[in-house]
C-alpha cells in the first residue's frame, strides 16, 4: 500500500474516477469541492492501483479571537465498502495529520508505505487542523491522532448565511490538531468556543 497526495486539479483521470466512485458509495450525488479551498486529495492505493480509501484536505485562513490562523480540515473521508474493517481509513486519517504537521498541504509529493511527503510548502504549514465528525466517530479520529475540542462549535456557510455544527438535528464533535507553536500557545482559546470557519456555500462545513 502507498499513500498518494496531490492537489485535486492535478489528479490523473483514472484515480479521479475511482475516488468519485468511492464517494458515491457514501454520498450519492455529491459534487466537487470549492477550488477556493485549495483541495488536496490523499489516497491509499493498493499495489494493483486500486484506491482503497480517500479523503480531501481543504484549507483557508480563519479569524478567531482577533487572530488569523491558517486552517485545514478533513473532508469526504471514505473507505471502499469492500475493504472496511482493515484499518485503511485510520491509516489514511493519521497520514493526513502527519502531512499537515510536516508542512501543510502544498507542494505535495508521494511516499511508499508511509505518510505522504511534502516539499517546501509554499504557503507554510497549517497552524491548526479543524473539522467536525459525527459523535460516534470521535474515537476513530482520536485513534488516528486527532483531539476532540470540548464544547466547540464550527460555524460553516458564510457570515451572511451561517451553518453551525450545533444546529438542530446535528450531533457533531469538533476535532482538532495544533501544528505550529503559535497555535499550540493559543489552543485553550479554541475550546468551548464558536469558531467562524465560513468555508462558503459549496463545502458548507467542510
Protein backbone atom coordinates (compact mmCIF):
# COMPACT_ATOMS: atom_id res chain seq x y z
CA UNK A 1 0.00 0.00 0.00
CA UNK A 2 1.15 3.54 -0.64
CA UNK A 3 -0.25 6.92 0.24
CA UNK A 4 -0.53 9.44 -2.56
CA UNK A 5 -1.30 13.11 -2.04
CA UNK A 6 -1.81 15.68 -4.75
CA UNK A 7 -3.65 18.89 -5.49
CA UNK A 8 -7.10 17.85 -6.61
CA UNK A 9 -6.91 19.55 -10.03
CA UNK A 10 -3.76 17.52 -10.79
CA UNK A 11 -5.31 14.13 -10.06
CA UNK A 12 -4.99 11.71 -13.02
CA UNK A 13 -8.27 10.71 -14.61
CA UNK A 14 -8.00 7.06 -13.56
CA UNK A 15 -7.57 8.00 -9.90
CA UNK A 16 -10.28 10.64 -10.06
CA UNK A 17 -12.79 8.11 -11.41
CA UNK A 18 -12.02 5.71 -8.56
CA UNK A 19 -12.30 8.41 -5.90
CA UNK A 20 -15.61 9.61 -7.30
CA UNK A 21 -16.92 6.04 -7.21
CA UNK A 22 -15.89 5.68 -3.54
CA UNK A 23 -17.51 8.99 -2.64
CA UNK A 24 -20.67 7.94 -4.45
CA UNK A 25 -20.87 4.94 -2.08
CA UNK A 26 -21.10 7.29 0.90
CA UNK A 27 -22.65 10.48 -0.51
CA UNK A 28 -24.66 9.79 -3.66
CA UNK A 29 -24.95 12.82 -5.87
CA UNK A 30 -22.17 14.80 -4.20
CA UNK A 31 -20.19 17.32 -6.21
CA UNK A 32 -16.69 18.79 -6.39
CA UNK A 33 -15.13 21.00 -3.75
CA UNK A 34 -14.85 24.76 -3.95
CA UNK A 35 -11.47 25.39 -5.64
CA UNK A 36 -11.01 28.44 -3.38
CA UNK A 37 -10.41 25.95 -0.51
CA UNK A 38 -7.35 24.55 -2.32
CA UNK A 39 -8.47 20.90 -2.15
CA UNK A 40 -5.77 18.25 -1.82
CA UNK A 41 -6.64 14.58 -2.30
CA UNK A 42 -4.97 11.99 -0.06
CA UNK A 43 -5.36 8.40 -1.24
CA UNK A 44 -4.46 4.94 -0.03
CA UNK A 45 -3.54 2.97 -3.16
CA UNK A 46 -3.07 -0.79 -3.40
CA UNK A 47 -0.20 -2.32 -5.43
CA UNK A 48 -2.62 -3.01 -8.27
CA UNK A 49 -3.54 0.68 -8.47
CA UNK A 50 -6.92 0.36 -6.78
CA UNK A 51 -7.86 3.18 -4.40
CA UNK A 52 -8.87 1.62 -1.07
CA UNK A 53 -9.56 4.84 0.87
CA UNK A 54 -9.61 8.56 0.16
CA UNK A 55 -10.02 11.89 1.85
CA UNK A 56 -9.64 15.55 0.95
CA UNK A 57 -7.86 18.33 2.80
CA UNK A 58 -9.42 21.78 2.49
CA UNK A 59 -7.66 24.93 3.64
CA UNK A 60 -8.33 28.61 4.27
CA UNK A 61 -7.38 31.40 6.65
CA UNK A 62 -9.72 31.96 9.57
CA UNK A 63 -10.03 34.66 12.22
CA UNK A 64 -10.53 33.54 15.82
CA UNK A 65 -10.33 35.73 18.91
CA UNK A 66 -8.94 38.52 16.72
CA UNK A 67 -6.06 36.45 15.33
CA UNK A 68 -5.56 34.97 11.87
CA UNK A 69 -4.74 31.27 11.57
CA UNK A 70 -4.01 29.04 8.60
CA UNK A 71 -6.62 26.31 9.00
CA UNK A 72 -7.01 22.97 7.24
CA UNK A 73 -9.58 20.26 7.72
CA UNK A 74 -10.51 16.78 6.54
CA UNK A 75 -13.44 16.26 4.22
CA UNK A 76 -15.04 13.34 2.37
CA UNK A 77 -13.23 10.61 4.33
CA UNK A 78 -14.25 7.28 2.81
CA UNK A 79 -13.07 3.66 2.63
CA UNK A 80 -14.21 1.23 -0.04
CA UNK A 81 -17.11 -0.72 1.43
CA UNK A 82 -15.49 -3.99 0.31
CA UNK A 83 -12.36 -3.25 2.35
CA UNK A 84 -13.64 -1.74 5.59
CA UNK A 85 -12.51 -3.07 8.95
CA UNK A 86 -8.86 -3.39 7.86
CA UNK A 87 -7.57 -0.13 9.34
CA UNK A 88 -7.24 1.61 5.99
CA UNK A 89 -9.28 4.66 6.99
CA UNK A 90 -7.38 5.11 10.25
CA UNK A 91 -4.06 4.86 8.43
CA UNK A 92 -5.13 7.49 5.92
CA UNK A 93 -6.51 9.90 8.53
CA UNK A 94 -3.29 9.60 10.55
CA UNK A 95 -1.24 10.21 7.40
CA UNK A 96 -3.23 13.36 6.63
CA UNK A 97 -2.46 14.66 10.10
CA UNK A 98 1.26 13.95 9.61
CA UNK A 99 1.09 15.67 6.24
CA UNK A 100 -0.32 18.83 7.78
CA UNK A 101 2.08 18.69 10.72
CA UNK A 102 5.01 18.35 8.34
CA UNK A 103 4.37 21.41 6.26
CA UNK A 104 0.80 21.92 5.17
CA UNK A 105 -0.98 20.62 2.10
CA UNK A 106 1.10 22.40 -0.52
CA UNK A 107 3.75 21.12 -2.93
CA UNK A 108 2.72 17.54 -2.31
CA UNK A 109 4.84 14.52 -3.20
CA UNK A 110 4.37 10.77 -2.91
CA UNK A 111 5.73 8.20 -0.47
CA UNK A 112 5.52 4.41 -0.42
CA UNK A 113 4.46 2.66 2.77
CA UNK A 114 4.07 5.75 4.92
CA UNK A 115 2.66 9.23 5.17
CA UNK A 116 2.70 11.47 2.12
CA UNK A 117 5.71 13.72 1.82
CA UNK A 118 5.66 17.50 1.50
CA UNK A 119 8.20 19.54 -0.30
CA UNK A 120 8.81 23.14 0.67
CA UNK A 121 5.25 24.19 1.43
CA UNK A 122 4.61 27.35 -0.50
CA UNK A 123 2.08 28.88 1.90
CA UNK A 124 3.60 27.47 5.09
CA UNK A 125 2.35 24.84 7.46
CA UNK A 126 -1.20 24.88 8.68
CA UNK A 127 -1.47 26.43 12.14
CA UNK A 128 -4.46 24.34 13.09
CA UNK A 129 -6.48 21.42 11.79
CA UNK A 130 -10.24 21.70 12.36
CA UNK A 131 -13.19 19.64 11.21
CA UNK A 132 -16.34 18.05 12.59
CA UNK A 133 -17.41 14.44 12.69
CA UNK A 134 -20.50 12.57 13.83
CA UNK A 135 -20.20 11.80 17.55
CA UNK A 136 -19.89 8.01 17.09
CA UNK A 137 -16.72 8.62 15.01
CA UNK A 138 -14.91 10.58 17.71
CA UNK A 139 -12.90 7.59 18.96
CA UNK A 140 -11.92 6.68 15.40
CA UNK A 141 -10.37 10.09 14.80
CA UNK A 142 -8.77 10.16 18.24
CA UNK A 143 -7.12 6.81 17.46
CA UNK A 144 -5.53 8.50 14.43
CA UNK A 145 -4.03 11.33 16.49
CA UNK A 146 -6.74 13.99 16.42
CA UNK A 147 -8.16 15.60 19.58
CA UNK A 148 -11.76 16.47 20.40
CA UNK A 149 -12.38 20.07 21.44
CA UNK A 150 -14.94 20.07 24.27
CA UNK A 151 -17.87 22.38 23.71
CA UNK A 152 -16.50 23.81 20.47
CA UNK A 153 -18.79 24.64 17.56
CA UNK A 154 -17.65 25.27 13.99
CA UNK A 155 -19.71 27.80 12.07
CA UNK A 156 -19.79 26.96 8.39
CA UNK A 157 -21.50 28.60 5.46
CA UNK A 158 -20.89 32.34 5.25
CA UNK A 159 -21.29 35.19 7.76
CA UNK A 160 -24.49 36.15 5.92
CA UNK A 161 -25.79 32.55 5.84
CA UNK A 162 -24.15 30.67 8.75
CA UNK A 163 -24.26 26.88 9.05
CA UNK A 164 -23.32 25.94 12.65
CA UNK A 165 -22.32 22.44 13.68
CA UNK A 166 -24.71 22.57 16.67
CA UNK A 167 -27.84 23.26 14.67
CA UNK A 168 -30.95 21.16 15.41
CA UNK A 169 -30.64 17.60 14.19
CA UNK A 170 -26.84 17.61 14.26
CA UNK A 171 -24.75 15.65 16.76
CA UNK A 172 -21.26 16.75 15.82
CA UNK A 173 -17.91 16.78 17.59
CA UNK A 174 -15.16 19.22 16.63
CA UNK A 175 -11.79 17.55 16.09
CA UNK A 176 -8.53 19.48 16.09
CA UNK A 177 -4.76 19.43 15.96
CA UNK A 178 -2.42 22.34 16.67
CA UNK A 179 0.65 22.24 14.46
CA UNK A 180 2.60 25.45 14.96
CA UNK A 181 4.00 26.94 18.16
CA UNK A 182 1.66 29.93 17.96
CA UNK A 183 -1.38 27.68 17.58
CA UNK A 184 -0.24 25.45 20.45
CA UNK A 185 0.09 28.52 22.69
CA UNK A 186 -3.44 29.59 21.74
CA UNK A 187 -5.02 26.11 21.92
CA UNK A 188 -7.10 26.87 25.01
CA UNK A 189 -8.85 29.69 23.13
CA UNK A 190 -10.33 27.12 20.74
CA UNK A 191 -12.03 25.11 23.49
CA UNK A 192 -15.67 25.78 24.37
CA UNK A 193 -15.85 28.42 21.68
CA UNK A 194 -17.65 29.18 18.43
CA UNK A 195 -15.19 29.28 15.56
CA UNK A 196 -16.07 31.11 12.36
CA UNK A 197 -14.85 28.66 9.71
CA UNK A 198 -17.03 30.11 6.90
CA UNK A 199 -15.86 27.91 4.00
CA UNK A 200 -18.68 29.18 1.76
CA UNK A 201 -21.81 27.83 0.16
CA UNK A 202 -20.37 24.72 -1.51
CA UNK A 203 -18.42 22.99 1.26
CA UNK A 204 -20.66 24.40 3.95
CA UNK A 205 -18.97 22.69 6.90
CA UNK A 206 -16.09 21.01 5.07
